[in-house]
Amino acid sequence: MGNIAKFEKKNDNFVSQMKSYFKGVKIEWGKITWPEKKQVFVETLYVIVIVFVFTLFILILDLIYKGAFSFLKIN
């Protein structure tokens, strides 16, 4: 019987800890300030432009290296 009582006590402790955790999550969730749609849109455009610029940069480097190595004609 002692083992069952210990298990139930541990289980109750676990349940109360989980309730406390999710109560804290709910409180913190209410403190979040979400960005406005305009801000999200502008920052998304920044990311797209930066990715495009870096893609072009890597493409140009690739073409330069491809041309340089074609002159070497390594077999």
PDB file of N, CA and C in Angstrom:
ATOM      1  N   MET A   1       0.829  -1.189   0.000  1.00  0.00           N
ATOM      2  CA  MET A   1       0.000   0.000   0.000  1.00  0.00           C
ATOM      3  C   MET A   1       0.870   1.248   0.000  1.00  0.00           C
ATOM      4  N   GLY A   2       2.014   1.182   0.612  1.00  0.00           N
ATOM      5  CA  GLY A   2       2.877   2.354   0.692  1.00  0.00           C
ATOM      6  C   GLY A   2       3.357   2.801  -0.680  1.00  0.00           C
ATOM      7  N   ASN A   3       3.658   1.817  -1.537  1.00  0.00           N
ATOM      8  CA  ASN A   3       4.132   2.153  -2.874  1.00  0.00           C
ATOM      9  C   ASN A   3       3.053   2.847  -3.692  1.00  0.00           C
ATOM     10  N   ILE A   4       1.822   2.410  -3.549  1.00  0.00           N
ATOM     11  CA  ILE A   4       0.715   3.019  -4.288  1.00  0.00           C
ATOM     12  C   ILE A   4       0.509   4.458  -3.824  1.00  0.00           C
ATOM     13  N   ALA A   5       0.597   4.686  -2.533  1.00  0.00           N
ATOM     14  CA  ALA A   5       0.432   6.042  -1.998  1.00  0.00           C
ATOM     15  C   ALA A   5       1.536   6.962  -2.511  1.00  0.00           C
ATOM     16  N   LYS A   6       2.779   6.445  -2.570  1.00  0.00           N
ATOM     17  CA  LYS A   6       3.888   7.248  -3.094  1.00  0.00           C
ATOM     18  C   LYS A   6       3.661   7.573  -4.571  1.00  0.00           C
ATOM     19  N   PHE A   7       3.179   6.569  -5.325  1.00  0.00           N
ATOM     20  CA  PHE A   7       2.925   6.779  -6.746  1.00  0.00           C
ATOM     21  C   PHE A   7       1.846   7.834  -6.955  1.00  0.00           C
ATOM     22  N   GLU A   8       0.766   7.733  -6.168  1.00  0.00           N
ATOM     23  CA  GLU A   8      -0.320   8.709  -6.296  1.00  0.00           C
ATOM     24  C   GLU A   8       0.162  10.103  -5.915  1.00  0.00           C
ATOM     25  N   LYS A   9       1.007  10.184  -4.892  1.00  0.00           N
ATOM     26  CA  LYS A   9       1.531  11.483  -4.477  1.00  0.00           C
ATOM     27  C   LYS A   9       2.414  12.065  -5.580  1.00  0.00           C
ATOM     28  N   LYS A  10       3.278  11.222  -6.179  1.00  0.00           N
ATOM     29  CA  LYS A  10       4.121  11.681  -7.281  1.00  0.00           C
ATOM     30  C   LYS A  10       3.263  12.101  -8.470  1.00  0.00           C
ATOM     31  N   ASN A  11       2.212  11.330  -8.743  1.00  0.00           N
ATOM     32  CA  ASN A  11       1.330  11.633  -9.861  1.00  0.00           C
ATOM     33  C   ASN A  11       0.611  12.956  -9.629  1.00  0.00           C
ATOM     34  N   ASP A  12       0.110  13.171  -8.404  1.00  0.00           N
ATOM     35  CA  ASP A  12      -0.556  14.433  -8.074  1.00  0.00           C
ATOM     36  C   ASP A  12       0.426  15.598  -8.200  1.00  0.00           C
ATOM     37  N   ASN A  13       1.653  15.386  -7.744  1.00  0.00           N
ATOM     38  CA  ASN A  13       2.678  16.417  -7.838  1.00  0.00           C
ATOM     39  C   ASN A  13       2.960  16.739  -9.308  1.00  0.00           C
ATOM     40  N   PHE A  14       3.058  15.717 -10.145  1.00  0.00           N
ATOM     41  CA  PHE A  14       3.310  15.904 -11.570  1.00  0.00           C
ATOM     42  C   PHE A  14       2.171  16.673 -12.219  1.00  0.00           C
ATOM     43  N   VAL A  15       0.940  16.293 -11.901  1.00  0.00           N
ATOM     44  CA  VAL A  15      -0.230  16.960 -12.476  1.00  0.00           C
ATOM     45  C   VAL A  15      -0.262  18.421 -12.053  1.00  0.00           C
ATOM     46  N   SER A  16       0.017  18.693 -10.797  1.00  0.00           N
ATOM     47  CA  SER A  16       0.004  20.084 -10.329  1.00  0.00           C
ATOM     48  C   SER A  16       1.130  20.888 -10.980  1.00  0.00           C
ATOM     49  N   GLN A  17       2.274  20.247 -11.198  1.00  0.00           N
ATOM     50  CA  GLN A  17       3.368  20.931 -11.880  1.00  0.00           C
ATOM     51  C   GLN A  17       2.999  21.241 -13.329  1.00  0.00           C
ATOM     52  N   MET A  18       2.348  20.306 -13.993  1.00  0.00           N
ATOM     53  CA  MET A  18       1.929  20.536 -15.378  1.00  0.00           C
ATOM     54  C   MET A  18       0.892  21.649 -15.452  1.00  0.00           C
ATOM     55  N   LYS A  19      -0.066  21.654 -14.526  1.00  0.00           N
ATOM     56  CA  LYS A  19      -1.070  22.720 -14.491  1.00  0.00           C
ATOM     57  C   LYS A  19      -0.397  24.069 -14.278  1.00  0.00           C
ATOM     58  N   SER A  20       0.547  24.107 -13.355  1.00  0.00           N
ATOM     59  CA  SER A  20       1.265  25.347 -13.074  1.00  0.00           C
ATOM     60  C   SER A  20       2.047  25.809 -14.301  1.00  0.00           C
ATOM     61  N   TYR A  21       2.687  24.872 -14.976  1.00  0.00           N
ATOM     62  CA  TYR A  21       3.462  25.201 -16.176  1.00  0.00           C
ATOM     63  C   TYR A  21       2.570  25.815 -17.248  1.00  0.00           C
ATOM     64  N   PHE A  22       1.448  25.160 -17.551  1.00  0.00           N
ATOM     65  CA  PHE A  22       0.577  25.656 -18.605  1.00  0.00           C
ATOM     66  C   PHE A  22      -0.124  26.952 -18.207  1.00  0.00           C
ATOM     67  N   LYS A  23      -0.349  27.149 -16.923  1.00  0.00           N
ATOM     68  CA  LYS A  23      -0.903  28.422 -16.460  1.00  0.00           C
ATOM     69  C   LYS A  23       0.111  29.538 -16.737  1.00  0.00           C
ATOM     70  N   GLY A  24       1.376  29.255 -16.471  1.00  0.00           N
ATOM     71  CA  GLY A  24       2.441  30.221 -16.762  1.00  0.00           C
ATOM     72  C   GLY A  24       2.570  30.497 -18.247  1.00  0.00           C
ATOM     73  N   VAL A  25       2.441  29.448 -19.063  1.00  0.00           N
ATOM     74  CA  VAL A  25       2.495  29.619 -20.516  1.00  0.00           C
ATOM     75  C   VAL A  25       1.365  30.524 -20.980  1.00  0.00           C
ATOM     76  N   LYS A  26       0.178  30.319 -20.439  1.00  0.00           N
ATOM     77  CA  LYS A  26      -0.980  31.135 -20.820  1.00  0.00           C
ATOM     78  C   LYS A  26      -0.756  32.601 -20.448  1.00  0.00           C
ATOM     79  N   ILE A  27      -0.191  32.842 -19.275  1.00  0.00           N
ATOM     80  CA  ILE A  27       0.087  34.215 -18.842  1.00  0.00           C
ATOM     81  C   ILE A  27       1.119  34.866 -19.762  1.00  0.00           C
ATOM     82  N   GLU A  28       2.199  34.140 -20.055  1.00  0.00           N
ATOM     83  CA  GLU A  28       3.242  34.688 -20.925  1.00  0.00           C
ATOM     84  C   GLU A  28       2.723  34.894 -22.347  1.00  0.00           C
ATOM     85  N   TRP A  29       1.854  34.019 -22.814  1.00  0.00           N
ATOM     86  CA  TRP A  29       1.285  34.136 -24.160  1.00  0.00           C
ATOM     87  C   TRP A  29       0.522  35.451 -24.296  1.00  0.00           C
ATOM     88  N   GLY A  30      -0.126  35.870 -23.221  1.00  0.00           N
ATOM     89  CA  GLY A  30      -0.865  37.127 -23.242  1.00  0.00           C
ATOM     90  C   GLY A  30       0.039  38.350 -23.281  1.00  0.00           C
ATOM     91  N   LYS A  31       1.294  38.204 -22.901  1.00  0.00           N
ATOM     92  CA  LYS A  31       2.240  39.320 -22.893  1.00  0.00           C
ATOM     93  C   LYS A  31       2.907  39.547 -24.253  1.00  0.00           C
ATOM     94  N   ILE A  32       2.707  38.646 -25.182  1.00  0.00           N
ATOM     95  CA  ILE A  32       3.357  38.746 -26.485  1.00  0.00           C
ATOM     96  C   ILE A  32       2.765  39.908 -27.264  1.00  0.00           C
ATOM     97  N   THR A  33       3.648  40.711 -27.867  1.00  0.00           N
ATOM     98  CA  THR A  33       3.185  41.764 -28.768  1.00  0.00           C
ATOM     99  C   THR A  33       3.507  41.321 -30.189  1.00  0.00           C
ATOM    100  N   TRP A  34       2.485  41.105 -30.963  1.00  0.00           N
ATOM    101  CA  TRP A  34       2.649  40.608 -32.316  1.00  0.00           C
ATOM    102  C   TRP A  34       2.898  41.767 -33.272  1.00  0.00           C
ATOM    103  N   PRO A  35       3.739  41.561 -34.298  1.00  0.00           N
ATOM    104  CA  PRO A  35       3.984  42.638 -35.262  1.00  0.00           C
ATOM    105  C   PRO A  35       2.756  42.868 -36.140  1.00  0.00           C
ATOM    106  N   GLU A  36       2.682  44.087 -36.679  1.00  0.00           N
ATOM    107  CA  GLU A  36       1.578  44.399 -37.574  1.00  0.00           C
ATOM    108  C   GLU A  36       1.838  43.775 -38.937  1.00  0.00           C
ATOM    109  N   LYS A  37       0.772  43.645 -39.729  1.00  0.00           N
ATOM    110  CA  LYS A  37       0.893  43.003 -41.038  1.00  0.00           C
ATOM    111  C   LYS A  37       1.871  43.751 -41.934  1.00  0.00           C
ATOM    112  N   LYS A  38       1.858  45.082 -41.867  1.00  0.00           N
ATOM    113  CA  LYS A  38       2.753  45.877 -42.709  1.00  0.00           C
ATOM    114  C   LYS A  38       4.213  45.569 -42.376  1.00  0.00           C
ATOM    115  N   GLN A  39       4.533  45.475 -41.098  1.00  0.00           N
ATOM    116  CA  GLN A  39       5.899  45.181 -40.675  1.00  0.00           C
ATOM    117  C   GLN A  39       6.329  43.794 -41.151  1.00  0.00           C
ATOM    118  N   VAL A  40       5.454  42.825 -41.034  1.00  0.00           N
ATOM    119  CA  VAL A  40       5.765  41.464 -41.491  1.00  0.00           C
ATOM    120  C   VAL A  40       5.999  41.465 -42.997  1.00  0.00           C
ATOM    121  N   PHE A  41       5.159  42.185 -43.734  1.00  0.00           N
ATOM    122  CA  PHE A  41       5.282  42.251 -45.191  1.00  0.00           C
ATOM    123  C   PHE A  41       6.619  42.874 -45.593  1.00  0.00           C
ATOM    124  N   VAL A  42       6.979  44.005 -44.974  1.00  0.00           N
ATOM    125  CA  VAL A  42       8.227  44.694 -45.314  1.00  0.00           C
ATOM    126  C   VAL A  42       9.432  43.824 -44.982  1.00  0.00           C
ATOM    127  N   GLU A  43       9.437  43.197 -43.828  1.00  0.00           N
ATOM    128  CA  GLU A  43      10.575  42.360 -43.447  1.00  0.00           C
ATOM    129  C   GLU A  43      10.673  41.113 -44.317  1.00  0.00           C
ATOM    130  N   THR A  44       9.542  40.597 -44.767  1.00  0.00           N
ATOM    131  CA  THR A  44       9.555  39.465 -45.691  1.00  0.00           C
ATOM    132  C   THR A  44      10.171  39.881 -47.021  1.00  0.00           C
ATOM    133  N   LEU A  45       9.824  41.077 -47.493  1.00  0.00           N
ATOM    134  CA  LEU A  45      10.426  41.581 -48.730  1.00  0.00           C
ATOM    135  C   LEU A  45      11.933  41.747 -48.580  1.00  0.00           C
ATOM    136  N   TYR A  46      12.390  42.241 -47.423  1.00  0.00           N
ATOM    137  CA  TYR A  46      13.827  42.360 -47.176  1.00  0.00           C
ATOM    138  C   TYR A  46      14.516  41.004 -47.312  1.00  0.00           C
ATOM    139  N   VAL A  47      13.933  40.008 -46.725  1.00  0.00           N
ATOM    140  CA  VAL A  47      14.526  38.664 -46.774  1.00  0.00           C
ATOM    141  C   VAL A  47      14.579  38.157 -48.209  1.00  0.00           C
ATOM    142  N   ILE A  48      13.500  38.342 -48.960  1.00  0.00           N
ATOM    143  CA  ILE A  48      13.460  37.879 -50.350  1.00  0.00           C
ATOM    144  C   ILE A  48      14.516  38.593 -51.182  1.00  0.00           C
ATOM    145  N   VAL A  49      14.649  39.909 -51.004  1.00  0.00           N
ATOM    146  CA  VAL A  49      15.647  40.676 -51.761  1.00  0.00           C
ATOM    147  C   VAL A  49      17.058  40.226 -51.400  1.00  0.00           C
ATOM    148  N   ILE A  50      17.337  40.042 -50.123  1.00  0.00           N
ATOM    149  CA  ILE A  50      18.675  39.616 -49.698  1.00  0.00           C
ATOM    150  C   ILE A  50      19.006  38.231 -50.250  1.00  0.00           C
ATOM    151  N   VAL A  51      18.057  37.318 -50.211  1.00  0.00           N
ATOM    152  CA  VAL A  51      18.282  35.976 -50.765  1.00  0.00           C
ATOM    153  C   VAL A  51      18.552  36.072 -52.262  1.00  0.00           C
ATOM    154  N   PHE A  52      17.804  36.911 -52.965  1.00  0.00           N
ATOM    155  CA  PHE A  52      17.991  37.083 -54.407  1.00  0.00           C
ATOM    156  C   PHE A  52      19.379  37.651 -54.708  1.00  0.00           C
ATOM    157  N   VAL A  53      19.811  38.659 -53.943  1.00  0.00           N
ATOM    158  CA  VAL A  53      21.128  39.270 -54.161  1.00  0.00           C
ATOM    159  C   VAL A  53      22.238  38.248 -53.920  1.00  0.00           C
ATOM    160  N   PHE A  54      22.155  37.500 -52.847  1.00  0.00           N
ATOM    161  CA  PHE A  54      23.181  36.489 -52.575  1.00  0.00           C
ATOM    162  C   PHE A  54      23.165  35.377 -53.623  1.00  0.00           C
ATOM    163  N   THR A  55      21.994  35.042 -54.126  1.00  0.00           N
ATOM    164  CA  THR A  55      21.906  34.038 -55.185  1.00  0.00           C
ATOM    165  C   THR A  55      22.619  34.524 -56.436  1.00  0.00           C
ATOM    166  N   LEU A  56      22.390  35.782 -56.805  1.00  0.00           N
ATOM    167  CA  LEU A  56      23.090  36.349 -57.963  1.00  0.00           C
ATOM    168  C   LEU A  56      24.598  36.380 -57.733  1.00  0.00           C
ATOM    169  N   PHE A  57      25.012  36.736 -56.526  1.00  0.00           N
ATOM    170  CA  PHE A  57      26.432  36.775 -56.195  1.00  0.00           C
ATOM    171  C   PHE A  57      27.075  35.398 -56.364  1.00  0.00           C
ATOM    172  N   ILE A  58      26.434  34.382 -55.851  1.00  0.00           N
ATOM    173  CA  ILE A  58      26.966  33.019 -55.968  1.00  0.00           C
ATOM    174  C   ILE A  58      26.947  32.560 -57.420  1.00  0.00           C
ATOM    175  N   LEU A  59      25.915  32.926 -58.169  1.00  0.00           N
ATOM    176  CA  LEU A  59      25.850  32.581 -59.591  1.00  0.00           C
ATOM    177  C   LEU A  59      27.015  33.206 -60.344  1.00  0.00           C
ATOM    178  N   ILE A  60      27.289  34.477 -60.085  1.00  0.00           N
ATOM    179  CA  ILE A  60      28.399  35.160 -60.760  1.00  0.00           C
ATOM    180  C   ILE A  60      29.727  34.515 -60.387  1.00  0.00           C
ATOM    181  N   LEU A  61      29.931  34.222 -59.108  1.00  0.00           N
ATOM    182  CA  LEU A  61      31.165  33.538 -58.700  1.00  0.00           C
ATOM    183  C   LEU A  61      31.293  32.177 -59.378  1.00  0.00           C
ATOM    184  N   ASP A  62      30.210  31.455 -59.476  1.00  0.00           N
ATOM    185  CA  ASP A  62      30.225  30.147 -60.116  1.00  0.00           C
ATOM    186  C   ASP A  62      30.620  30.270 -61.583  1.00  0.00           C
ATOM    187  N   LEU A  63      30.062  31.250 -62.265  1.00  0.00           N
ATOM    188  CA  LEU A  63      30.403  31.444 -63.678  1.00  0.00           C
ATOM    189  C   LEU A  63      31.866  31.848 -63.847  1.00  0.00           C
ATOM    190  N   ILE A  64      32.370  32.687 -62.945  1.00  0.00           N
ATOM    191  CA  ILE A  64      33.781  33.089 -63.009  1.00  0.00           C
ATOM    192  C   ILE A  64      34.685  31.882 -62.803  1.00  0.00           C
ATOM    193  N   TYR A  65      34.412  31.085 -61.774  1.00  0.00           N
ATOM    194  CA  TYR A  65      35.234  29.898 -61.519  1.00  0.00           C
ATOM    195  C   TYR A  65      35.119  28.884 -62.653  1.00  0.00           C
ATOM    196  N   LYS A  66      33.930  28.727 -63.196  1.00  0.00           N
ATOM    197  CA  LYS A  66      33.740  27.790 -64.305  1.00  0.00           C
ATOM    198  C   LYS A  66      34.576  28.225 -65.500  1.00  0.00           C
ATOM    199  N   GLY A  67      34.566  29.515 -65.800  1.00  0.00           N
ATOM    200  CA  GLY A  67      35.373  30.026 -66.907  1.00  0.00           C
ATOM    201  C   GLY A  67      36.854  29.887 -66.638  1.00  0.00           C
ATOM    202  N   ALA A  68      37.280  30.173 -65.410  1.00  0.00           N
ATOM    203  CA  ALA A  68      38.697  30.082 -65.065  1.00  0.00           C
ATOM    204  C   ALA A  68      39.188  28.643 -65.146  1.00  0.00           C
ATOM    205  N   PHE A  69      38.403  27.698 -64.668  1.00  0.00           N
ATOM    206  CA  PHE A  69      38.829  26.301 -64.709  1.00  0.00           C
ATOM    207  C   PHE A  69      38.752  25.719 -66.117  1.00  0.00           C
ATOM    208  N   SER A  70      37.905  26.279 -66.963  1.00  0.00           N
ATOM    209  CA  SER A  70      37.847  25.762 -68.335  1.00  0.00           C
ATOM    210  C   SER A  70      39.124  26.117 -69.092  1.00  0.00           C
ATOM    211  N   PHE A  71      39.795  27.207 -68.700  1.00  0.00           N
ATOM    212  CA  PHE A  71      41.063  27.556 -69.326  1.00  0.00           C
ATOM    213  C   PHE A  71      42.172  26.609 -68.898  1.00  0.00           C
ATOM    214  N   LEU A  72      42.071  26.060 -67.725  1.00  0.00           N
ATOM    215  CA  LEU A  72      43.099  25.146 -67.243  1.00  0.00           C
ATOM    216  C   LEU A  72      43.018  23.795 -67.936  1.00  0.00           C
ATOM    217  N   LYS A  73      41.815  23.396 -68.306  1.00  0.00           N
ATOM    218  CA  LYS A  73      41.562  22.113 -68.972  1.00  0.00           C
ATOM    219  C   LYS A  73      42.235  20.961 -68.241  1.00  0.00           C
ATOM    220  N   ILE A  74      41.863  20.796 -66.992  1.00  0.00           N
ATOM    221  CA  ILE A  74      42.405  19.709 -66.181  1.00  0.00           C
ATOM    222  C   ILE A  74      41.731  18.414 -66.610  1.00  0.00           C
ATOM    223  N   ASN A  75      42.530  17.426 -66.911  1.00  0.00           N
ATOM    224  CA  ASN A  75      41.988  16.130 -67.337  1.00  0.00           C
ATOM    225  C   ASN A  75      42.139  15.124 -66.245  1.00  0.00           C
TER     226      ASN A  75
END
